[in-house]
Protein backbone atom coordinates (compact mmCIF):
# COMPACT_ATOMS: atom_id res chain seq x y z
CA MET A 1 114.02 107.36 97.45
CA ALA A 2 113.26 108.67 100.93
CA LEU A 3 110.56 106.05 101.42
CA GLY A 4 112.96 103.27 100.49
CA CYS A 5 115.62 104.61 102.85
CA ALA A 6 113.09 104.82 105.66
CA ALA A 7 111.99 101.22 105.07
CA PHE A 8 115.58 100.00 105.02
CA GLY A 9 116.30 101.90 108.23
CA ASP A 10 113.21 100.42 109.87
CA VAL A 11 114.16 96.85 108.98
CA THR A 12 117.71 97.42 110.13
CA ALA A 13 116.49 98.82 113.45
CA TRP A 14 114.17 95.86 114.03
CA CYS A 15 116.93 93.39 113.19
CA LEU A 16 119.37 95.15 115.53
CA LEU A 17 116.72 95.16 118.25
CA ALA A 18 116.17 91.43 117.75
CA VAL A 19 119.91 90.77 117.98
CA SER A 20 120.27 92.84 121.15
CA VAL A 21 117.26 91.15 122.79
CA GLY A 22 118.64 87.77 121.73
CA VAL A 23 122.03 88.56 123.27
CA ALA A 24 120.39 89.82 126.47
CA LYS A 25 118.28 86.68 126.77
CA GLU A 26 121.10 84.44 125.50
CA GLN A 27 118.88 83.32 122.60
CA ILE A 28 120.95 84.11 119.55
CA SER A 29 118.93 81.63 117.48
CA HIS A 30 115.83 83.83 117.82
CA ALA A 31 117.76 86.89 116.69
CA LEU A 32 119.13 84.99 113.69
CA PHE A 33 115.62 83.83 112.84
CA VAL A 34 114.39 87.43 112.83
CA VAL A 35 117.26 88.67 110.65
CA ILE A 36 117.07 85.80 108.16
CA GLY A 37 113.27 85.89 108.18
CA ALA A 38 113.20 89.63 107.49
CA LEU A 39 115.62 89.28 104.59
CA ALA A 40 113.65 86.33 103.17
CA PHE A 41 110.38 88.27 103.54
CA ILE A 42 111.81 91.28 101.69
CA ALA A 43 113.22 89.05 98.93
CA PHE A 44 109.89 87.24 98.57
CA MET A 45 107.94 90.48 98.35
CA LEU A 46 110.28 91.98 95.76
CA LEU A 47 110.85 88.88 93.62
CA LEU A 48 107.40 87.26 93.73
CA GLY A 49 104.99 89.72 95.30
CA ARG A 50 105.63 92.62 92.92
CA PRO A 51 105.11 90.59 89.69
CA ILE A 52 101.94 89.05 91.14
CA LEU A 53 100.61 92.49 92.09
CA ARG A 54 101.52 93.88 88.65
CA TRP A 55 99.58 91.03 86.99
CA LEU A 56 96.64 91.54 89.35
CA MET A 57 96.54 95.29 88.69
CA ARG A 58 96.59 94.80 84.92
CA ARG A 59 93.67 92.37 85.14
CA GLY A 60 91.59 94.91 87.05
CA GLU A 61 92.08 98.01 84.91
CA GLU A 62 88.40 98.99 84.92
CA GLU A 63 87.27 102.17 86.59
CA PRO A 64 86.22 102.15 89.41
CA PRO A 65 88.21 99.14 90.66
CA SER A 66 86.14 96.02 91.23
CA GLN A 67 85.27 94.85 94.71
CA THR A 68 87.14 91.62 94.00
CA LEU A 69 90.36 93.50 93.27
CA LEU A 70 89.98 95.58 96.42
CA ALA A 71 89.28 92.46 98.49
CA LEU A 72 92.36 90.69 97.07
CA ILE A 73 94.56 93.68 97.88
CA PHE A 74 93.16 93.83 101.40
CA VAL A 75 93.81 90.11 101.90
CA ALA A 76 97.36 90.56 100.60
CA LEU A 77 97.79 93.45 103.04
CA LEU A 78 96.66 91.32 105.97
CA LEU A 79 98.87 88.39 104.91
CA ALA A 80 101.90 90.67 104.63
CA ALA A 81 101.22 92.14 108.07
CA ILE A 82 100.69 88.71 109.66
CA SER A 83 103.85 87.36 108.02
CA ALA A 84 105.95 90.27 109.28
CA GLU A 85 104.54 89.86 112.79
CA ALA A 86 105.25 86.10 112.72
CA ILE A 87 108.86 86.79 111.74
CA GLY A 88 109.29 89.10 114.71
CA ILE A 89 109.25 92.49 113.03
CA HIS A 90 106.26 94.77 113.44
CA ALA A 91 103.13 94.13 111.35
CA ILE A 92 103.19 97.70 110.07
CA PHE A 93 106.41 96.92 108.19
CA GLY A 94 104.69 94.14 106.24
CA ALA A 95 101.82 96.44 105.31
CA PHE A 96 104.26 99.21 104.42
CA LEU A 97 106.30 96.92 102.19
CA LEU A 98 103.20 95.75 100.34
CA GLY A 99 102.17 99.35 99.75
CA ALA A 100 105.67 100.21 98.55
CA ILE A 101 105.77 97.41 95.97
CA ILE A 102 102.36 98.08 94.42
CA PRO A 103 103.20 99.08 90.84
CA THR A 104 101.81 102.54 90.17
CA GLU A 105 102.13 102.27 86.38
CA ALA A 106 99.56 99.44 86.25
CA THR A 107 97.22 100.65 88.99
CA PRO A 108 93.57 101.28 88.06
CA PRO A 109 92.79 105.03 88.05
CA GLY A 110 90.55 105.15 91.14
CA LEU A 111 92.46 102.72 93.37
CA LEU A 112 95.17 104.79 95.01
CA SER A 113 93.62 108.24 94.86
CA PRO A 114 90.08 109.39 95.57
CA GLY A 115 88.12 110.62 92.60
């Protein structure tokens, strides 16, 4: 619950920052792009990203996790970070959101914790 609240607060802060910078520079269109882009990114990650990750985790249930599974998760992490940066919010938010939507009930035993 606290993690979700922190993520929501972070996105809200970035969107408010984008709006204030847009007003200061008289570029409201950029601020609107950031706000709409952030909301679209969150919706995409929750509606499409989570089911895809759940399917991917169920396919790689062997222990230890395969190198292919780890590589795919790393690529997804980089894509989420690059997408967030392209929208105008910080890349760390994209990586954080990907980590937050990884389904723990379908995660291979050695993936998220050592040993």
